[in-house]
Protein backbone atom coordinates (compact mmCIF):
# COMPACT_ATOMS: atom_id res chain seq x y z
CA MET A 1 0.00 0.00 0.00
CA THR A 2 1.21 3.51 -0.76
CA LEU A 3 2.60 5.56 2.10
CA LEU A 4 1.00 8.72 0.68
CA LEU A 5 -2.77 8.94 1.07
CA ASP A 6 -4.69 11.58 -0.86
CA ALA A 7 -7.38 13.19 1.29
CA THR A 8 -8.34 15.63 -1.48
CA ARG A 9 -10.35 12.88 -3.22
CA GLY A 10 -11.95 11.21 -0.21
CA ARG A 11 -11.92 10.93 3.55
CA VAL A 12 -8.93 9.62 5.49
CA ALA A 13 -10.00 8.83 9.05
CA LEU A 14 -7.15 8.71 11.56
CA ILE A 15 -8.18 6.64 14.58
CA GLY A 16 -6.27 7.06 17.84
CA ASP A 17 -5.25 4.39 20.33
CA VAL A 18 -8.01 1.80 20.75
CA GLY A 19 -6.58 0.06 23.81
CA GLY A 20 -8.58 -3.15 23.74
CA HIS A 21 -12.04 -1.59 23.32
CA ALA A 22 -13.62 -3.45 20.42
CA GLU A 23 -17.10 -2.06 21.03
CA ALA A 24 -15.85 1.53 21.00
CA LEU A 25 -13.91 0.93 17.78
CA GLY A 26 -16.95 -0.61 16.13
CA ALA A 27 -19.11 2.33 17.19
CA GLU A 28 -16.69 4.86 15.73
CA LEU A 29 -16.46 2.93 12.47
CA ALA A 30 -20.25 2.88 12.33
CA ARG A 31 -20.29 6.65 12.85
CA LEU A 32 -17.94 6.94 9.89
CA GLY A 33 -20.44 5.08 7.73
CA VAL A 34 -19.30 1.46 8.07
CA ALA A 35 -22.34 -0.83 8.14
CA ASP A 36 -23.08 -3.67 10.53
CA GLY A 37 -21.63 -2.01 13.60
CA GLY A 38 -18.30 -1.38 11.94
CA ARG A 39 -17.97 -4.86 10.44
CA GLY A 40 -19.30 -4.06 6.99
CA PRO A 41 -17.25 -2.95 3.98
CA LEU A 42 -15.53 0.41 4.26
CA PRO A 43 -17.33 3.03 2.13
CA ASP A 44 -15.80 3.91 -1.23
CA ASP A 45 -14.90 7.41 -0.01
CA LEU A 46 -13.13 6.26 3.17
CA VAL A 47 -9.62 5.07 4.05
CA VAL A 48 -8.85 4.29 7.70
CA VAL A 49 -5.48 4.77 9.35
CA GLN A 50 -5.23 3.39 12.87
CA VAL A 51 -2.20 4.77 14.68
CA GLY A 52 -1.35 1.73 16.79
CA ASP A 53 -1.91 0.49 20.34
CA LEU A 54 -4.89 -1.57 19.37
CA VAL A 55 -4.45 -3.82 22.39
CA HIS A 56 -4.20 -3.86 26.21
CA ARG A 57 -6.07 -1.94 28.91
CA GLY A 58 -9.62 -2.68 27.72
CA PRO A 59 -11.59 -5.92 28.05
CA ASP A 60 -11.48 -7.18 24.45
CA SER A 61 -8.10 -6.89 22.78
CA GLU A 62 -8.81 -10.11 20.89
CA GLY A 63 -12.03 -8.61 19.53
CA VAL A 64 -10.15 -5.54 18.33
CA VAL A 65 -7.57 -7.66 16.53
CA GLU A 66 -10.32 -9.76 14.95
CA LEU A 67 -12.19 -6.68 13.72
CA VAL A 68 -9.08 -5.09 12.23
CA ASP A 69 -8.07 -8.41 10.69
CA LEU A 70 -11.46 -8.55 8.99
CA HIS A 71 -10.83 -5.23 7.27
CA LEU A 72 -7.20 -6.00 6.44
CA ARG A 73 -8.20 -9.25 4.76
CA ARG A 74 -11.19 -7.82 2.91
CA GLN A 75 -9.97 -4.32 1.96
CA PRO A 76 -6.22 -4.00 2.62
CA GLU A 77 -6.11 -0.96 0.34
CA ARG A 78 -8.57 0.88 2.60
CA TRP A 79 -7.16 0.10 6.06
CA LEU A 80 -3.59 1.12 6.93
CA GLN A 81 -2.48 -0.22 10.29
CA LEU A 82 0.39 1.47 12.11
CA ILE A 83 2.44 -0.29 14.75
CA GLY A 84 2.35 1.00 18.31
CA ASN A 85 4.57 0.12 21.23
CA HIS A 86 1.96 -2.34 22.49
CA GLU A 87 1.92 -4.25 19.19
CA ALA A 88 5.74 -4.24 19.23
CA HIS A 89 5.47 -6.10 22.55
CA TYR A 90 4.52 -9.20 20.51
CA LEU A 91 6.82 -8.67 17.53
CA ARG A 92 10.12 -8.14 19.33
CA PRO A 93 11.56 -9.08 22.72
CA PRO A 94 9.24 -7.24 25.14
CA ALA A 95 10.57 -3.86 26.24
CA PHE A 96 8.25 -3.64 29.24
CA ARG A 97 6.10 -5.77 31.48
CA TRP A 98 2.34 -5.75 31.08
CA PRO A 99 -0.11 -7.55 33.36
CA GLU A 100 -2.18 -9.03 30.56
CA ARG A 101 -1.19 -11.02 27.49
CA LEU A 102 -2.93 -11.53 24.19
CA THR A 103 -4.15 -15.01 23.37
CA ARG A 104 -1.83 -17.00 21.16
CA GLY A 105 -4.25 -16.60 18.26
CA ALA A 106 -4.34 -12.80 18.49
CA ALA A 107 -0.56 -12.54 18.89
CA ARG A 108 -0.14 -14.84 15.88
CA ARG A 109 -2.34 -12.53 13.81
CA LEU A 110 -0.12 -9.55 14.66
CA ARG A 111 2.90 -11.51 13.48
CA GLN A 112 1.05 -12.53 10.33
CA TRP A 113 0.28 -8.86 9.58
CA ARG A 114 3.98 -8.10 9.92
CA ARG A 115 5.01 -10.92 7.58
CA ARG A 116 2.41 -9.89 5.00
CA GLY A 117 3.52 -6.26 5.05
CA LEU A 118 0.28 -5.05 6.64
CA LEU A 119 1.93 -3.30 9.61
CA HIS A 120 3.52 0.06 8.94
CA ALA A 121 5.48 2.59 10.98
CA ALA A 122 4.40 5.79 9.21
CA VAL A 123 2.21 7.23 6.48
CA ALA A 124 1.76 10.67 4.93
CA VAL A 125 -1.67 12.20 4.32
CA ARG A 126 -2.07 14.95 1.74
CA THR A 127 -4.88 17.46 2.22
CA SER A 128 -5.73 20.53 0.17
CA GLU A 129 -3.53 22.65 2.46
CA GLU A 130 -0.70 20.45 3.76
CA THR A 131 0.86 17.01 3.87
CA LEU A 132 0.98 15.46 7.33
CA LEU A 133 3.20 12.75 8.74
CA VAL A 134 1.29 10.17 10.80
CA THR A 135 3.10 7.93 13.28
CA HIS A 136 2.21 6.28 16.55
CA ALA A 137 3.99 8.65 18.93
CA GLY A 138 5.26 11.47 16.72
CA LEU A 139 8.61 12.40 15.20
CA THR A 140 10.91 14.34 17.53
CA GLU A 141 13.25 17.00 16.21
CA PRO A 142 16.44 15.09 17.15
CA PHE A 143 15.16 11.86 15.54
CA TRP A 144 14.15 13.79 12.39
CA ARG A 145 17.56 15.44 12.21
CA THR A 146 20.05 12.79 13.33
CA VAL A 147 18.37 9.50 12.35
CA LEU A 148 16.35 10.45 9.26
CA GLY A 149 18.71 13.08 7.90
CA ALA A 150 16.28 16.03 8.15
CA PRO A 151 13.84 15.27 5.30
CA ARG A 152 11.81 18.30 4.25
CA GLY A 153 8.67 16.43 3.22
CA ALA A 154 6.24 14.25 5.17
CA HIS A 155 6.18 11.56 2.48
CA ASP A 156 9.97 11.34 2.42
CA ALA A 157 10.00 11.08 6.23
CA ALA A 158 7.38 8.32 6.14
CA GLN A 159 9.44 6.32 3.66
CA ARG A 160 12.61 6.64 5.76
CA ILE A 161 10.76 5.56 8.90
CA GLU A 162 9.25 2.61 7.03
CA GLU A 163 12.74 1.54 5.94
CA LEU A 164 13.72 1.37 9.61
CA LEU A 165 10.77 -0.96 10.26
CA LEU A 166 11.67 -3.17 7.29
CA ARG A 167 15.20 -3.52 8.70
CA ASN A 168 13.81 -4.05 12.22
CA ASP A 169 16.25 -1.33 13.22
CA ASP A 170 16.48 -0.92 17.00
CA VAL A 171 16.61 2.87 16.64
CA LEU A 172 12.95 2.90 15.54
CA PHE A 173 12.00 1.32 18.88
CA ARG A 174 14.17 3.63 21.00
CA SER A 175 12.27 4.37 24.22
CA GLY A 176 12.41 7.39 26.47
CA VAL A 177 10.87 8.74 29.63
CA MET A 178 7.94 6.32 29.56
CA LEU A 179 10.23 3.38 30.27
CA ARG A 180 12.80 5.33 32.27
CA PRO A 181 10.91 7.76 34.50
CA GLY A 182 12.81 10.95 35.05
CA ARG A 183 15.09 10.39 32.03
CA VAL A 184 13.77 12.40 29.12
CA GLU A 185 15.15 11.17 25.78
CA PRO A 186 14.75 13.95 23.17
CA GLY A 187 15.58 11.45 20.43
CA ALA A 188 13.00 8.85 21.48
CA GLY A 189 11.64 6.92 18.52
CA PRO A 190 8.25 7.41 16.83
CA LEU A 191 6.77 4.49 18.76
CA TRP A 192 7.70 5.85 22.19
CA ALA A 193 8.13 9.66 22.27
CA ALA A 194 6.10 11.29 25.04
CA ALA A 195 4.17 14.25 23.67
CA GLY A 196 4.70 16.68 26.52
CA SER A 197 8.35 16.02 27.35
CA GLU A 198 9.97 14.61 24.19
CA LEU A 199 7.92 15.38 21.07
CA LEU A 200 6.68 18.96 21.39
CA PRO A 201 9.51 20.70 23.31
CA GLY A 202 12.11 20.08 20.62
CA TRP A 203 9.96 21.66 17.94
CA LEU A 204 9.49 24.83 20.01
CA GLU A 205 13.04 25.82 19.09
CA ARG A 206 12.97 24.92 15.40
CA GLU A 207 10.65 25.42 12.43
CA LEU A 208 8.50 22.37 11.82
CA PRO A 209 9.18 21.07 8.28
CA PHE A 210 5.73 19.47 7.99
CA GLY A 211 2.71 18.86 10.18
CA GLN A 212 2.18 15.68 12.15
CA VAL A 213 -0.58 13.55 13.64
CA HIS A 214 0.15 11.12 16.48
CA GLY A 215 -1.45 8.97 19.16
CA HIS A 216 0.33 7.28 22.11
CA SER A 217 0.17 10.14 24.64
CA SER A 218 -1.45 13.46 25.29
CA VAL A 219 -0.51 16.79 26.83
CA THR A 220 -4.11 17.28 27.91
CA ASP A 221 -5.73 16.09 31.12
CA TRP A 222 -8.98 14.91 29.54
CA ALA A 223 -10.79 14.99 32.89
CA THR A 224 -10.33 18.77 33.08
CA GLY A 225 -9.44 19.77 29.52
CA GLU A 226 -6.29 21.53 30.76
CA VAL A 227 -2.93 21.28 29.00
CA ARG A 228 -0.21 20.02 31.34
CA GLY A 229 3.46 20.92 31.50
CA ASP A 230 5.33 23.61 29.58
CA PRO A 231 3.23 26.82 29.49
CA ARG A 232 4.66 27.60 26.04
CA ILE A 233 3.01 24.45 24.73
CA ALA A 234 -0.25 25.26 26.53
CA ALA A 235 -0.30 28.70 24.92
CA ARG A 236 -0.05 27.14 21.45
CA THR A 237 -2.51 24.28 21.95
CA VAL A 238 -6.23 24.19 21.18
CA VAL A 239 -8.12 21.37 22.88
CA HIS A 240 -11.29 19.70 21.61
CA VAL A 241 -12.51 17.79 24.64
CA ASP A 242 -15.57 16.33 22.89
CA ARG A 243 -13.35 14.72 20.22
CA LYS A 244 -10.24 14.11 22.34
CA HIS A 245 -8.07 16.04 19.89
CA GLU A 246 -5.35 18.55 20.72
CA ILE A 247 -3.78 20.80 18.08
CA THR A 248 -0.47 22.52 18.84
CA THR A 249 0.43 25.22 16.31
CA LEU A 250 4.16 25.77 15.87
CA ASP A 251 6.36 27.71 13.47
CA GLY A 252 5.93 25.92 10.15
CA GLY A 253 2.88 23.77 10.93
CA ARG A 254 0.89 21.92 13.55
CA ILE A 255 1.11 18.73 15.56
CA VAL A 256 -2.22 17.02 16.20
CA GLY A 257 -2.62 14.57 19.07
CA ILE A 258 -5.48 12.06 18.78
CA ASP A 259 -4.90 9.64 21.67
CA PRO A 260 -8.23 9.50 23.55
CA CYS A 261 -6.45 7.93 26.55
CA HIS A 262 -8.84 5.04 27.01
CA GLY A 263 -8.33 3.20 30.27
CA SER A 264 -10.00 0.05 31.50
CA ARG A 265 -13.15 1.77 30.28
CA PRO A 266 -13.34 3.75 27.05
CA GLN A 267 -13.82 7.48 26.89
CA THR A 268 -17.48 8.27 26.33
CA ARG A 269 -16.71 11.07 23.88
CA TRP A 270 -13.99 10.69 21.26
CA ARG A 271 -13.69 10.76 17.49
CA ALA A 272 -11.39 9.90 14.63
CA TRP A 273 -9.58 12.87 13.12
CA VAL A 274 -10.94 13.09 9.58
CA ALA A 275 -8.98 14.63 6.73
CA GLY A 276 -10.70 15.26 3.44
CA PRO A 277 -13.86 16.71 1.92
CA ALA A 278 -16.42 17.93 4.42
CA SER A 279 -19.37 15.59 4.85
CA ARG A 280 -21.97 14.59 7.37
CA TYR A 281 -19.22 12.55 9.08
CA GLY A 282 -17.14 15.64 9.80
CA SER A 283 -13.71 16.87 8.72
CA GLN A 284 -10.97 18.54 10.74
CA ALA A 285 -8.22 18.98 8.15
């Protein structure tokens, strides 16, 4: 599948971390126009990008994997699945401990997706105004500069990140403060960068070469709607509590966070971030 999706011709729905909530995922797909509670064929005008972390936390990780597998088998050209750090837990030696484990069948499906080339690390989405890089956790300034060689375009960056995945390069899976509390790693990889301490701060000091969309973490306390941490980031961030989206405008572009932060129970209000022509399903691009 191409790593450049054209949202000028149809909708591209970017779905944040699902976290084991199959019912919530099905409901959001249904809202986007997918019949049969999200199990029907994807509409002709819709491509879905899920940013990773399909599993863990919620009660039905296996159901999530089964639903995504249905779409990947039936319409692989219309569902692009990104890898998150929780999927990587089953594809590489585990980097962290987690109290629950997927069933063997669900873990085997993740590995099958990898072998069939159905798991990706990045994609670019072109809208009428910009081209955005989409990864699980976001591309930090040091990683962009020192690992990728400072590409100027989102599509070029997506291709270079994908090459790291194809090589199973350890640098792609470089962790940071989330695995080593108190040790911020500005060059954390795009599966692990923490939004408030590793992703956004580095781009405050440099012009953003292209916009980004990420899941994985949030700078917003969704219980209060307040942006945590660096007041410079708070001053540049617009929060949409009803959708669980946060948009930080920087010099050169914007970084959009779409992690709804589901816990053992899903958020009651959250939405995919939809790029493309306006419709009754909504568009935020």
